[in-house]
């Protein structure tokens, strides 16, 4: 599959994944601390993303424990970046919800690069 096609598929699955993940986070930020809201959102993202990105974007025929471990580590990194950046920037008076929205693009870009070159590398 061409790189452009992979990016397009990642983008399309990403729209669905990001929308659902951030819907969960946005709702939970109303009721829970940032740490917990982003954790639950990241858990959903992990379960949805591992299968759909691995199988449909990066065309891995057989997802295995090695892929799962790397994808899990990636999710821990992204989650920590997400909640720590939201927490840090809210200390300057910014809205948690706005910050969470702004972080979508840079975190998704980082995620794509790591998945392509490390997690699902052939």
PDB file of N, CA and C in Angstrom:
ATOM      1  N   UNK A   1       0.847  -1.179   0.000  1.00  0.00           N
ATOM      2  CA  UNK A   1       0.000   0.000   0.000  1.00  0.00           C
ATOM      3  C   UNK A   1       0.892   1.241   0.000  1.00  0.00           C
ATOM      4  N   UNK A   2       0.519   2.213  -0.786  1.00  0.00           N
ATOM      5  CA  UNK A   2       1.294   3.445  -0.883  1.00  0.00           C
ATOM      6  C   UNK A   2       1.178   4.256   0.400  1.00  0.00           C
ATOM      7  N   UNK A   3       2.199   5.058   0.643  1.00  0.00           N
ATOM      8  CA  UNK A   3       2.228   5.890   1.854  1.00  0.00           C
ATOM      9  C   UNK A   3       1.026   6.822   1.888  1.00  0.00           C
ATOM     10  N   UNK A   4       0.660   7.395   0.747  1.00  0.00           N
ATOM     11  CA  UNK A   4      -0.482   8.315   0.709  1.00  0.00           C
ATOM     12  C   UNK A   4      -1.776   7.596   1.099  1.00  0.00           C
ATOM     13  N   UNK A   5      -1.936   6.354   0.637  1.00  0.00           N
ATOM     14  CA  UNK A   5      -3.122   5.581   0.994  1.00  0.00           C
ATOM     15  C   UNK A   5      -3.146   5.268   2.480  1.00  0.00           C
ATOM     16  N   UNK A   6      -1.976   4.942   3.053  1.00  0.00           N
ATOM     17  CA  UNK A   6      -1.897   4.674   4.491  1.00  0.00           C
ATOM     18  C   UNK A   6      -2.274   5.916   5.287  1.00  0.00           C
ATOM     19  N   UNK A   7      -1.756   7.053   4.860  1.00  0.00           N
ATOM     20  CA  UNK A   7      -2.070   8.298   5.564  1.00  0.00           C
ATOM     21  C   UNK A   7      -3.558   8.616   5.472  1.00  0.00           C
ATOM     22  N   UNK A   8      -4.151   8.365   4.309  1.00  0.00           N
ATOM     23  CA  UNK A   8      -5.582   8.618   4.140  1.00  0.00           C
ATOM     24  C   UNK A   8      -6.404   7.703   5.040  1.00  0.00           C
ATOM     25  N   UNK A   9      -6.065   6.409   5.050  1.00  0.00           N
ATOM     26  CA  UNK A   9      -6.781   5.473   5.927  1.00  0.00           C
ATOM     27  C   UNK A   9      -6.584   5.828   7.394  1.00  0.00           C
ATOM     28  N   UNK A  10      -5.339   6.175   7.768  1.00  0.00           N
ATOM     29  CA  UNK A  10      -5.070   6.569   9.144  1.00  0.00           C
ATOM     30  C   UNK A  10      -5.916   7.787   9.495  1.00  0.00           C
ATOM     31  N   UNK A  11      -6.000   8.724   8.576  1.00  0.00           N
ATOM     32  CA  UNK A  11      -6.782   9.930   8.797  1.00  0.00           C
ATOM     33  C   UNK A  11      -8.261   9.597   8.973  1.00  0.00           C
ATOM     34  N   UNK A  12      -8.807   8.734   8.099  1.00  0.00           N
ATOM     35  CA  UNK A  12     -10.229   8.389   8.184  1.00  0.00           C
ATOM     36  C   UNK A  12     -10.562   7.623   9.467  1.00  0.00           C
ATOM     37  N   UNK A  13      -9.766   6.586   9.760  1.00  0.00           N
ATOM     38  CA  UNK A  13      -9.986   5.864  11.017  1.00  0.00           C
ATOM     39  C   UNK A  13      -9.698   6.789  12.203  1.00  0.00           C
ATOM     40  N   UNK A  14      -8.728   7.658  12.004  1.00  0.00           N
ATOM     41  CA  UNK A  14      -8.382   8.613  13.055  1.00  0.00           C
ATOM     42  C   UNK A  14      -9.512   9.561  13.379  1.00  0.00           C
ATOM     43  N   UNK A  15     -10.226  10.008  12.356  1.00  0.00           N
ATOM     44  CA  UNK A  15     -11.373  10.901  12.590  1.00  0.00           C
ATOM     45  C   UNK A  15     -12.387  10.216  13.499  1.00  0.00           C
ATOM     46  N   UNK A  16     -12.702   8.984  13.172  1.00  0.00           N
ATOM     47  CA  UNK A  16     -13.674   8.237  13.986  1.00  0.00           C
ATOM     48  C   UNK A  16     -13.129   8.020  15.394  1.00  0.00           C
ATOM     49  N   UNK A  17     -11.881   7.551  15.471  1.00  0.00           N
ATOM     50  CA  UNK A  17     -11.270   7.258  16.767  1.00  0.00           C
ATOM     51  C   UNK A  17     -11.130   8.521  17.617  1.00  0.00           C
ATOM     52  N   UNK A  18     -10.635   9.584  17.006  1.00  0.00           N
ATOM     53  CA  UNK A  18     -10.447  10.840  17.739  1.00  0.00           C
ATOM     54  C   UNK A  18     -11.791  11.417  18.169  1.00  0.00           C
ATOM     55  N   UNK A  19     -12.774  11.353  17.284  1.00  0.00           N
ATOM     56  CA  UNK A  19     -14.089  11.880  17.646  1.00  0.00           C
ATOM     57  C   UNK A  19     -14.650  11.142  18.856  1.00  0.00           C
ATOM     58  N   UNK A  20     -14.645   9.817  18.787  1.00  0.00           N
ATOM     59  CA  UNK A  20     -15.204   9.029  19.892  1.00  0.00           C
ATOM     60  C   UNK A  20     -14.373   9.186  21.171  1.00  0.00           C
ATOM     61  N   UNK A  21     -13.055   9.133  21.021  1.00  0.00           N
ATOM     62  CA  UNK A  21     -12.177   9.290  22.194  1.00  0.00           C
ATOM     63  C   UNK A  21     -12.372  10.649  22.843  1.00  0.00           C
ATOM     64  N   UNK A  22     -12.384  11.694  22.028  1.00  0.00           N
ATOM     65  CA  UNK A  22     -12.516  13.030  22.593  1.00  0.00           C
ATOM     66  C   UNK A  22     -13.913  13.332  23.084  1.00  0.00           C
ATOM     67  N   UNK A  23     -14.911  12.705  22.513  1.00  0.00           N
ATOM     68  CA  UNK A  23     -16.259  12.829  23.055  1.00  0.00           C
ATOM     69  C   UNK A  23     -16.281  12.263  24.471  1.00  0.00           C
ATOM     70  N   UNK A  24     -15.666  11.110  24.635  1.00  0.00           N
ATOM     71  CA  UNK A  24     -15.566  10.489  25.961  1.00  0.00           C
ATOM     72  C   UNK A  24     -14.808  11.405  26.914  1.00  0.00           C
ATOM     73  N   UNK A  25     -13.654  11.917  26.465  1.00  0.00           N
ATOM     74  CA  UNK A  25     -12.840  12.793  27.321  1.00  0.00           C
ATOM     75  C   UNK A  25     -13.590  14.070  27.673  1.00  0.00           C
ATOM     76  N   UNK A  26     -14.215  14.704  26.677  1.00  0.00           N
ATOM     77  CA  UNK A  26     -14.913  15.969  26.929  1.00  0.00           C
ATOM     78  C   UNK A  26     -16.023  15.785  27.970  1.00  0.00           C
ATOM     79  N   UNK A  27     -16.765  14.716  27.845  1.00  0.00           N
ATOM     80  CA  UNK A  27     -17.850  14.459  28.812  1.00  0.00           C
ATOM     81  C   UNK A  27     -17.264  14.164  30.190  1.00  0.00           C
ATOM     82  N   UNK A  28     -16.231  13.314  30.222  1.00  0.00           N
ATOM     83  CA  UNK A  28     -15.657  12.929  31.515  1.00  0.00           C
ATOM     84  C   UNK A  28     -14.931  14.076  32.210  1.00  0.00           C
ATOM     85  N   UNK A  29     -14.397  15.045  31.433  1.00  0.00           N
ATOM     86  CA  UNK A  29     -13.727  16.194  32.055  1.00  0.00           C
ATOM     87  C   UNK A  29     -14.697  17.020  32.909  1.00  0.00           C
ATOM     88  N   UNK A  30     -15.969  16.905  32.626  1.00  0.00           N
ATOM     89  CA  UNK A  30     -16.993  17.611  33.414  1.00  0.00           C
ATOM     90  C   UNK A  30     -17.107  16.989  34.803  1.00  0.00           C
ATOM     91  N   UNK A  31     -16.921  15.674  34.883  1.00  0.00           N
ATOM     92  CA  UNK A  31     -17.181  14.940  36.121  1.00  0.00           C
ATOM     93  C   UNK A  31     -15.937  14.436  36.841  1.00  0.00           C
ATOM     94  N   UNK A  32     -14.852  14.235  36.100  1.00  0.00           N
ATOM     95  CA  UNK A  32     -13.660  13.597  36.669  1.00  0.00           C
ATOM     96  C   UNK A  32     -12.436  14.492  36.557  1.00  0.00           C
ATOM     97  N   UNK A  33     -11.428  14.166  37.332  1.00  0.00           N
ATOM     98  CA  UNK A  33     -10.147  14.843  37.215  1.00  0.00           C
ATOM     99  C   UNK A  33      -9.543  14.500  35.855  1.00  0.00           C
ATOM    100  N   UNK A  34      -8.691  15.386  35.363  1.00  0.00           N
ATOM    101  CA  UNK A  34      -8.066  15.226  34.052  1.00  0.00           C
ATOM    102  C   UNK A  34      -7.390  13.869  33.905  1.00  0.00           C
ATOM    103  N   UNK A  35      -6.656  13.454  34.913  1.00  0.00           N
ATOM    104  CA  UNK A  35      -5.933  12.179  34.889  1.00  0.00           C
ATOM    105  C   UNK A  35      -6.867  11.025  34.542  1.00  0.00           C
ATOM    106  N   UNK A  36      -8.011  10.942  35.219  1.00  0.00           N
ATOM    107  CA  UNK A  36      -8.953   9.844  35.015  1.00  0.00           C
ATOM    108  C   UNK A  36      -9.706   9.964  33.686  1.00  0.00           C
ATOM    109  N   UNK A  37     -10.100  11.172  33.340  1.00  0.00           N
ATOM    110  CA  UNK A  37     -10.829  11.382  32.089  1.00  0.00           C
ATOM    111  C   UNK A  37      -9.971  10.993  30.891  1.00  0.00           C
ATOM    112  N   UNK A  38      -8.710  11.419  30.895  1.00  0.00           N
ATOM    113  CA  UNK A  38      -7.830  11.078  29.778  1.00  0.00           C
ATOM    114  C   UNK A  38      -7.463   9.601  29.788  1.00  0.00           C
ATOM    115  N   UNK A  39      -7.361   9.007  30.969  1.00  0.00           N
ATOM    116  CA  UNK A  39      -7.063   7.570  31.049  1.00  0.00           C
ATOM    117  C   UNK A  39      -8.174   6.749  30.413  1.00  0.00           C
ATOM    118  N   UNK A  40      -9.409   7.050  30.754  1.00  0.00           N
ATOM    119  CA  UNK A  40     -10.541   6.303  30.198  1.00  0.00           C
ATOM    120  C   UNK A  40     -10.629   6.525  28.693  1.00  0.00           C
ATOM    121  N   UNK A  41     -10.428   7.770  28.260  1.00  0.00           N
ATOM    122  CA  UNK A  41     -10.418   8.056  26.825  1.00  0.00           C
ATOM    123  C   UNK A  41      -9.316   7.294  26.111  1.00  0.00           C
ATOM    124  N   UNK A  42      -8.139   7.248  26.717  1.00  0.00           N
ATOM    125  CA  UNK A  42      -7.012   6.542  26.118  1.00  0.00           C
ATOM    126  C   UNK A  42      -7.244   5.037  26.084  1.00  0.00           C
ATOM    127  N   UNK A  43      -7.932   4.507  27.078  1.00  0.00           N
ATOM    128  CA  UNK A  43      -8.261   3.081  27.085  1.00  0.00           C
ATOM    129  C   UNK A  43      -9.160   2.732  25.894  1.00  0.00           C
ATOM    130  N   UNK A  44     -10.162   3.556  25.657  1.00  0.00           N
ATOM    131  CA  UNK A  44     -11.013   3.342  24.482  1.00  0.00           C
ATOM    132  C   UNK A  44     -10.177   3.434  23.208  1.00  0.00           C
ATOM    133  N   UNK A  45      -9.352   4.478  23.125  1.00  0.00           N
ATOM    134  CA  UNK A  45      -8.493   4.692  21.963  1.00  0.00           C
ATOM    135  C   UNK A  45      -7.592   3.487  21.720  1.00  0.00           C
ATOM    136  N   UNK A  46      -7.060   2.928  22.783  1.00  0.00           N
ATOM    137  CA  UNK A  46      -6.181   1.757  22.698  1.00  0.00           C
ATOM    138  C   UNK A  46      -6.907   0.569  22.077  1.00  0.00           C
ATOM    139  N   UNK A  47      -8.069   0.261  22.602  1.00  0.00           N
ATOM    140  CA  UNK A  47      -8.815  -0.912  22.144  1.00  0.00           C
ATOM    141  C   UNK A  47      -9.277  -0.751  20.693  1.00  0.00           C
ATOM    142  N   UNK A  48      -9.789   0.402  20.372  1.00  0.00           N
ATOM    143  CA  UNK A  48     -10.264   0.680  19.020  1.00  0.00           C
ATOM    144  C   UNK A  48      -9.087   0.745  18.044  1.00  0.00           C
ATOM    145  N   UNK A  49      -8.070   1.508  18.423  1.00  0.00           N
ATOM    146  CA  UNK A  49      -6.953   1.770  17.527  1.00  0.00           C
ATOM    147  C   UNK A  49      -6.093   0.577  17.209  1.00  0.00           C
ATOM    148  N   UNK A  50      -5.803  -0.268  18.190  1.00  0.00           N
ATOM    149  CA  UNK A  50      -4.920  -1.406  17.957  1.00  0.00           C
ATOM    150  C   UNK A  50      -5.421  -2.250  16.800  1.00  0.00           C
ATOM    151  N   UNK A  51      -6.665  -2.598  16.827  1.00  0.00           N
ATOM    152  CA  UNK A  51      -7.212  -3.440  15.774  1.00  0.00           C
ATOM    153  C   UNK A  51      -7.325  -2.676  14.444  1.00  0.00           C
ATOM    154  N   UNK A  52      -7.996  -1.538  14.459  1.00  0.00           N
ATOM    155  CA  UNK A  52      -8.280  -0.850  13.203  1.00  0.00           C
ATOM    156  C   UNK A  52      -7.034  -0.297  12.527  1.00  0.00           C
ATOM    157  N   UNK A  53      -6.105   0.253  13.284  1.00  0.00           N
ATOM    158  CA  UNK A  53      -4.880   0.759  12.652  1.00  0.00           C
ATOM    159  C   UNK A  53      -3.992  -0.395  12.202  1.00  0.00           C
ATOM    160  N   UNK A  54      -3.836  -1.387  13.058  1.00  0.00           N
ATOM    161  CA  UNK A  54      -2.985  -2.519  12.713  1.00  0.00           C
ATOM    162  C   UNK A  54      -3.468  -3.269  11.488  1.00  0.00           C
ATOM    163  N   UNK A  55      -4.729  -3.611  11.471  1.00  0.00           N
ATOM    164  CA  UNK A  55      -5.292  -4.409  10.379  1.00  0.00           C
ATOM    165  C   UNK A  55      -5.599  -3.587   9.125  1.00  0.00           C
ATOM    166  N   UNK A  56      -6.218  -2.439   9.298  1.00  0.00           N
ATOM    167  CA  UNK A  56      -6.756  -1.705   8.157  1.00  0.00           C
ATOM    168  C   UNK A  56      -5.835  -0.618   7.603  1.00  0.00           C
ATOM    169  N   UNK A  57      -5.001  -0.043   8.425  1.00  0.00           N
ATOM    170  CA  UNK A  57      -4.113   1.017   7.945  1.00  0.00           C
ATOM    171  C   UNK A  57      -2.751   0.445   7.584  1.00  0.00           C
ATOM    172  N   UNK A  58      -2.148  -0.272   8.510  1.00  0.00           N
ATOM    173  CA  UNK A  58      -0.795  -0.773   8.300  1.00  0.00           C
ATOM    174  C   UNK A  58      -0.774  -2.205   7.783  1.00  0.00           C
ATOM    175  N   UNK A  59      -1.960  -2.780   7.555  1.00  0.00           N
ATOM    176  CA  UNK A  59      -2.134  -4.079   6.901  1.00  0.00           C
ATOM    177  C   UNK A  59      -1.294  -5.199   7.502  1.00  0.00           C
ATOM    178  N   UNK A  60      -1.302  -5.285   8.824  1.00  0.00           N
ATOM    179  CA  UNK A  60      -0.612  -6.373   9.502  1.00  0.00           C
ATOM    180  C   UNK A  60      -1.534  -7.582   9.454  1.00  0.00           C
ATOM    181  N   UNK A  61      -1.053  -8.654   8.843  1.00  0.00           N
ATOM    182  CA  UNK A  61      -1.886  -9.854   8.685  1.00  0.00           C
ATOM    183  C   UNK A  61      -2.215 -10.507  10.014  1.00  0.00           C
ATOM    184  N   UNK A  62      -1.221 -10.579  10.872  1.00  0.00           N
ATOM    185  CA  UNK A  62      -1.406 -11.254  12.153  1.00  0.00           C
ATOM    186  C   UNK A  62      -0.875 -10.381  13.280  1.00  0.00           C
ATOM    187  N   UNK A  63      -1.779  -9.737  13.975  1.00  0.00           N
ATOM    188  CA  UNK A  63      -1.378  -8.933  15.129  1.00  0.00           C
ATOM    189  C   UNK A  63      -0.949  -9.873  16.245  1.00  0.00           C
ATOM    190  N   UNK A  64       0.164  -9.580  16.876  1.00  0.00           N
ATOM    191  CA  UNK A  64       0.687 -10.472  17.908  1.00  0.00           C
ATOM    192  C   UNK A  64       1.010  -9.709  19.191  1.00  0.00           C
ATOM    193  N   UNK A  65       1.542 -10.425  20.172  1.00  0.00           N
ATOM    194  CA  UNK A  65       1.876  -9.819  21.464  1.00  0.00           C
ATOM    195  C   UNK A  65       2.935  -8.737  21.321  1.00  0.00           C
ATOM    196  N   UNK A  66       3.840  -8.910  20.384  1.00  0.00           N
ATOM    197  CA  UNK A  66       4.893  -7.920  20.150  1.00  0.00           C
ATOM    198  C   UNK A  66       4.284  -6.594  19.699  1.00  0.00           C
ATOM    199  N   UNK A  67       3.336  -6.652  18.758  1.00  0.00           N
ATOM    200  CA  UNK A  67       2.621  -5.443  18.324  1.00  0.00           C
ATOM    201  C   UNK A  67       1.835  -4.835  19.490  1.00  0.00           C
ATOM    202  N   UNK A  68       1.172  -5.710  20.237  1.00  0.00           N
ATOM    203  CA  UNK A  68       0.349  -5.245  21.358  1.00  0.00           C
ATOM    204  C   UNK A  68       1.186  -4.515  22.403  1.00  0.00           C
ATOM    205  N   UNK A  69       2.349  -5.059  22.732  1.00  0.00           N
ATOM    206  CA  UNK A  69       3.223  -4.424  23.728  1.00  0.00           C
ATOM    207  C   UNK A  69       3.693  -3.055  23.254  1.00  0.00           C
ATOM    208  N   UNK A  70       4.096  -2.966  21.993  1.00  0.00           N
ATOM    209  CA  UNK A  70       4.559  -1.676  21.457  1.00  0.00           C
ATOM    210  C   UNK A  70       3.412  -0.675  21.378  1.00  0.00           C
ATOM    211  N   UNK A  71       2.232  -1.146  20.974  1.00  0.00           N
ATOM    212  CA  UNK A  71       1.081  -0.254  20.884  1.00  0.00           C
ATOM    213  C   UNK A  71       0.649   0.210  22.275  1.00  0.00           C
ATOM    214  N   UNK A  72       0.729  -0.680  23.237  1.00  0.00           N
ATOM    215  CA  UNK A  72       0.412  -0.326  24.617  1.00  0.00           C
ATOM    216  C   UNK A  72       1.370   0.748  25.130  1.00  0.00           C
ATOM    217  N   UNK A  73       2.659   0.585  24.889  1.00  0.00           N
ATOM    218  CA  UNK A  73       3.652   1.574  25.301  1.00  0.00           C
ATOM    219  C   UNK A  73       3.396   2.918  24.627  1.00  0.00           C
ATOM    220  N   UNK A  74       3.070   2.886  23.339  1.00  0.00           N
ATOM    221  CA  UNK A  74       2.729   4.118  22.625  1.00  0.00           C
ATOM    222  C   UNK A  74       1.547   4.803  23.296  1.00  0.00           C
ATOM    223  N   UNK A  75       0.526   4.053  23.647  1.00  0.00           N
ATOM    224  CA  UNK A  75      -0.652   4.640  24.287  1.00  0.00           C
ATOM    225  C   UNK A  75      -0.332   5.233  25.651  1.00  0.00           C
ATOM    226  N   UNK A  76       0.560   4.596  26.394  1.00  0.00           N
ATOM    227  CA  UNK A  76       0.980   5.158  27.687  1.00  0.00           C
ATOM    228  C   UNK A  76       1.680   6.497  27.469  1.00  0.00           C
ATOM    229  N   UNK A  77       2.537   6.565  26.472  1.00  0.00           N
ATOM    230  CA  UNK A  77       3.251   7.802  26.168  1.00  0.00           C
ATOM    231  C   UNK A  77       2.278   8.904  25.760  1.00  0.00           C
ATOM    232  N   UNK A  78       1.367   8.586  24.832  1.00  0.00           N
ATOM    233  CA  UNK A  78       0.399   9.586  24.359  1.00  0.00           C
ATOM    234  C   UNK A  78      -0.513  10.037  25.497  1.00  0.00           C
ATOM    235  N   UNK A  79      -0.964   9.102  26.308  1.00  0.00           N
ATOM    236  CA  UNK A  79      -1.825   9.451  27.433  1.00  0.00           C
ATOM    237  C   UNK A  79      -1.102  10.382  28.403  1.00  0.00           C
ATOM    238  N   UNK A  80       0.149  10.060  28.741  1.00  0.00           N
ATOM    239  CA  UNK A  80       0.911  10.914  29.650  1.00  0.00           C
ATOM    240  C   UNK A  80       1.141  12.305  29.066  1.00  0.00           C
ATOM    241  N   UNK A  81       1.445  12.373  27.800  1.00  0.00           N
ATOM    242  CA  UNK A  81       1.588  13.685  27.155  1.00  0.00           C
ATOM    243  C   UNK A  81       0.269  14.446  27.206  1.00  0.00           C
ATOM    244  N   UNK A  82      -0.830  13.758  26.939  1.00  0.00           N
ATOM    245  CA  UNK A  82      -2.144  14.391  26.911  1.00  0.00           C
ATOM    246  C   UNK A  82      -2.526  14.965  28.270  1.00  0.00           C
ATOM    247  N   UNK A  83      -2.534  14.141  29.299  1.00  0.00           N
ATOM    248  CA  UNK A  83      -2.991  14.653  30.598  1.00  0.00           C
ATOM    249  C   UNK A  83      -2.005  15.640  31.204  1.00  0.00           C
ATOM    250  N   UNK A  84      -0.707  15.432  30.989  1.00  0.00           N
ATOM    251  CA  UNK A  84       0.258  16.366  31.581  1.00  0.00           C
ATOM    252  C   UNK A  84       0.213  17.729  30.892  1.00  0.00           C
ATOM    253  N   UNK A  85       0.027  17.729  29.565  1.00  0.00           N
ATOM    254  CA  UNK A  85      -0.087  19.015  28.859  1.00  0.00           C
ATOM    255  C   UNK A  85      -1.377  19.741  29.244  1.00  0.00           C
ATOM    256  N   UNK A  86      -2.477  18.998  29.352  1.00  0.00           N
ATOM    257  CA  UNK A  86      -3.736  19.625  29.768  1.00  0.00           C
ATOM    258  C   UNK A  86      -3.575  20.200  31.171  1.00  0.00           C
ATOM    259  N   UNK A  87      -3.024  19.430  32.076  1.00  0.00           N
ATOM    260  CA  UNK A  87      -2.838  19.902  33.459  1.00  0.00           C
ATOM    261  C   UNK A  87      -1.913  21.110  33.525  1.00  0.00           C
ATOM    262  N   UNK A  88      -0.819  21.056  32.789  1.00  0.00           N
ATOM    263  CA  UNK A  88       0.145  22.158  32.797  1.00  0.00           C
ATOM    264  C   UNK A  88      -0.475  23.441  32.250  1.00  0.00           C
ATOM    265  N   UNK A  89      -1.140  23.342  31.108  1.00  0.00           N
ATOM    266  CA  UNK A  89      -1.685  24.546  30.472  1.00  0.00           C
ATOM    267  C   UNK A  89      -2.901  25.112  31.200  1.00  0.00           C
ATOM    268  N   UNK A  90      -3.638  24.272  31.929  1.00  0.00           N
ATOM    269  CA  UNK A  90      -4.755  24.820  32.714  1.00  0.00           C
ATOM    270  C   UNK A  90      -4.240  25.663  33.875  1.00  0.00           C
ATOM    271  N   UNK A  91      -3.004  25.426  34.282  1.00  0.00           N
ATOM    272  CA  UNK A  91      -2.439  26.247  35.363  1.00  0.00           C
ATOM    273  C   UNK A  91      -2.248  27.704  34.920  1.00  0.00           C
ATOM    274  N   UNK A  92      -2.310  27.941  33.608  1.00  0.00           N
ATOM    275  CA  UNK A  92      -2.225  29.302  33.073  1.00  0.00           C
ATOM    276  C   UNK A  92      -3.602  29.876  32.776  1.00  0.00           C
ATOM    277  N   UNK A  93      -4.652  29.148  33.176  1.00  0.00           N
ATOM    278  CA  UNK A  93      -6.006  29.649  33.027  1.00  0.00           C
ATOM    279  C   UNK A  93      -6.726  29.215  31.756  1.00  0.00           C
ATOM    280  N   UNK A  94      -6.108  28.362  30.956  1.00  0.00           N
ATOM    281  CA  UNK A  94      -6.764  27.890  29.738  1.00  0.00           C
ATOM    282  C   UNK A  94      -7.795  26.805  30.072  1.00  0.00           C
ATOM    283  N   UNK A  95      -8.798  26.691  29.246  1.00  0.00           N
ATOM    284  CA  UNK A  95      -9.849  25.690  29.418  1.00  0.00           C
ATOM    285  C   UNK A  95      -9.304  24.292  29.124  1.00  0.00           C
ATOM    286  N   UNK A  96      -9.613  23.340  29.998  1.00  0.00           N
ATOM    287  CA  UNK A  96      -9.209  21.945  29.782  1.00  0.00           C
ATOM    288  C   UNK A  96      -9.760  21.424  28.458  1.00  0.00           C
ATOM    289  N   UNK A  97     -10.989  21.771  28.168  1.00  0.00           N
ATOM    290  CA  UNK A  97     -11.635  21.265  26.962  1.00  0.00           C
ATOM    291  C   UNK A  97     -10.989  21.822  25.690  1.00  0.00           C
ATOM    292  N   UNK A  98     -10.656  23.088  25.711  1.00  0.00           N
ATOM    293  CA  UNK A  98     -10.004  23.705  24.549  1.00  0.00           C
ATOM    294  C   UNK A  98      -8.614  23.105  24.348  1.00  0.00           C
ATOM    295  N   UNK A  99      -7.877  22.951  25.416  1.00  0.00           N
ATOM    296  CA  UNK A  99      -6.542  22.368  25.324  1.00  0.00           C
ATOM    297  C   UNK A  99      -6.623  20.937  24.782  1.00  0.00           C
ATOM    298  N   UNK A 100      -7.564  20.151  25.293  1.00  0.00           N
ATOM    299  CA  UNK A 100      -7.734  18.773  24.817  1.00  0.00           C
ATOM    300  C   UNK A 100      -7.998  18.751  23.316  1.00  0.00           C
ATOM    301  N   UNK A 101      -8.789  19.686  22.838  1.00  0.00           N
ATOM    302  CA  UNK A 101      -9.095  19.766  21.413  1.00  0.00           C
ATOM    303  C   UNK A 101      -7.856  20.155  20.603  1.00  0.00           C
ATOM    304  N   UNK A 102      -7.116  21.132  21.082  1.00  0.00           N
ATOM    305  CA  UNK A 102      -5.917  21.611  20.378  1.00  0.00           C
ATOM    306  C   UNK A 102      -4.841  20.526  20.294  1.00  0.00           C
ATOM    307  N   UNK A 103      -4.766  19.671  21.297  1.00  0.00           N
ATOM    308  CA  UNK A 103      -3.738  18.622  21.327  1.00  0.00           C
ATOM    309  C   UNK A 103      -4.013  17.461  20.370  1.00  0.00           C
ATOM    310  N   UNK A 104      -5.197  17.403  19.792  1.00  0.00           N
ATOM    311  CA  UNK A 104      -5.543  16.284  18.906  1.00  0.00           C
ATOM    312  C   UNK A 104      -4.545  16.148  17.763  1.00  0.00           C
ATOM    313  N   UNK A 105      -4.318  17.209  17.010  1.00  0.00           N
ATOM    314  CA  UNK A 105      -3.465  17.119  15.813  1.00  0.00           C
ATOM    315  C   UNK A 105      -2.018  16.748  16.138  1.00  0.00           C
ATOM    316  N   UNK A 106      -1.361  17.419  17.085  1.00  0.00           N
ATOM    317  CA  UNK A 106       0.030  17.022  17.341  1.00  0.00           C
ATOM    318  C   UNK A 106       0.173  15.612  17.912  1.00  0.00           C
ATOM    319  N   UNK A 107      -0.744  15.201  18.763  1.00  0.00           N
ATOM    320  CA  UNK A 107      -0.658  13.854  19.325  1.00  0.00           C
ATOM    321  C   UNK A 107      -0.975  12.794  18.267  1.00  0.00           C
ATOM    322  N   UNK A 108      -1.920  13.073  17.376  1.00  0.00           N
ATOM    323  CA  UNK A 108      -2.234  12.134  16.295  1.00  0.00           C
ATOM    324  C   UNK A 108      -1.052  12.006  15.332  1.00  0.00           C
ATOM    325  N   UNK A 109      -0.398  13.104  15.039  1.00  0.00           N
ATOM    326  CA  UNK A 109       0.769  13.070  14.151  1.00  0.00           C
ATOM    327  C   UNK A 109       1.893  12.243  14.760  1.00  0.00           C
ATOM    328  N   UNK A 110       2.160  12.477  16.023  1.00  0.00           N
ATOM    329  CA  UNK A 110       3.180  11.706  16.725  1.00  0.00           C
ATOM    330  C   UNK A 110       2.820  10.224  16.732  1.00  0.00           C
ATOM    331  N   UNK A 111       1.563   9.926  16.989  1.00  0.00           N
ATOM    332  CA  UNK A 111       1.093   8.547  17.021  1.00  0.00           C
ATOM    333  C   UNK A 111       1.289   7.860  15.664  1.00  0.00           C
ATOM    334  N   UNK A 112       0.941   8.539  14.581  1.00  0.00           N
ATOM    335  CA  UNK A 112       1.101   7.966  13.243  1.00  0.00           C
ATOM    336  C   UNK A 112       2.563   7.611  12.976  1.00  0.00           C
ATOM    337  N   UNK A 113       3.447   8.523  13.261  1.00  0.00           N
ATOM    338  CA  UNK A 113       4.876   8.300  13.004  1.00  0.00           C
ATOM    339  C   UNK A 113       5.388   7.101  13.795  1.00  0.00           C
ATOM    340  N   UNK A 114       5.032   7.028  15.058  1.00  0.00           N
ATOM    341  CA  UNK A 114       5.503   5.916  15.895  1.00  0.00           C
ATOM    342  C   UNK A 114       4.884   4.594  15.451  1.00  0.00           C
ATOM    343  N   UNK A 115       3.603   4.617  15.082  1.00  0.00           N
ATOM    344  CA  UNK A 115       2.984   3.375  14.606  1.00  0.00           C
ATOM    345  C   UNK A 115       3.628   2.904  13.301  1.00  0.00           C
ATOM    346  N   UNK A 116       3.866   3.837  12.398  1.00  0.00           N
ATOM    347  CA  UNK A 116       4.421   3.464  11.101  1.00  0.00           C
ATOM    348  C   UNK A 116       5.840   2.915  11.222  1.00  0.00           C
ATOM    349  N   UNK A 117       6.682   3.567  11.997  1.00  0.00           N
ATOM    350  CA  UNK A 117       8.100   3.219  12.025  1.00  0.00           C
ATOM    351  C   UNK A 117       8.513   2.283  13.160  1.00  0.00           C
ATOM    352  N   UNK A 118       7.643   2.106  14.148  1.00  0.00           N
ATOM    353  CA  UNK A 118       8.024   1.261  15.282  1.00  0.00           C
ATOM    354  C   UNK A 118       6.991   0.161  15.554  1.00  0.00           C
ATOM    355  N   UNK A 119       5.751   0.549  15.803  1.00  0.00           N
ATOM    356  CA  UNK A 119       4.753  -0.417  16.265  1.00  0.00           C
ATOM    357  C   UNK A 119       4.400  -1.444  15.190  1.00  0.00           C
ATOM    358  N   UNK A 120       4.042  -0.986  13.999  1.00  0.00           N
ATOM    359  CA  UNK A 120       3.593  -1.890  12.948  1.00  0.00           C
ATOM    360  C   UNK A 120       4.594  -1.974  11.791  1.00  0.00           C
ATOM    361  N   UNK A 121       5.844  -1.683  12.080  1.00  0.00           N
ATOM    362  CA  UNK A 121       6.892  -1.735  11.061  1.00  0.00           C
ATOM    363  C   UNK A 121       7.015  -3.156  10.522  1.00  0.00           C
ATOM    364  N   UNK A 122       7.147  -3.255   9.235  1.00  0.00           N
ATOM    365  CA  UNK A 122       7.269  -4.592   8.605  1.00  0.00           C
ATOM    366  C   UNK A 122       8.711  -5.020   8.529  1.00  0.00           C
TER     367      UNK A 122
END
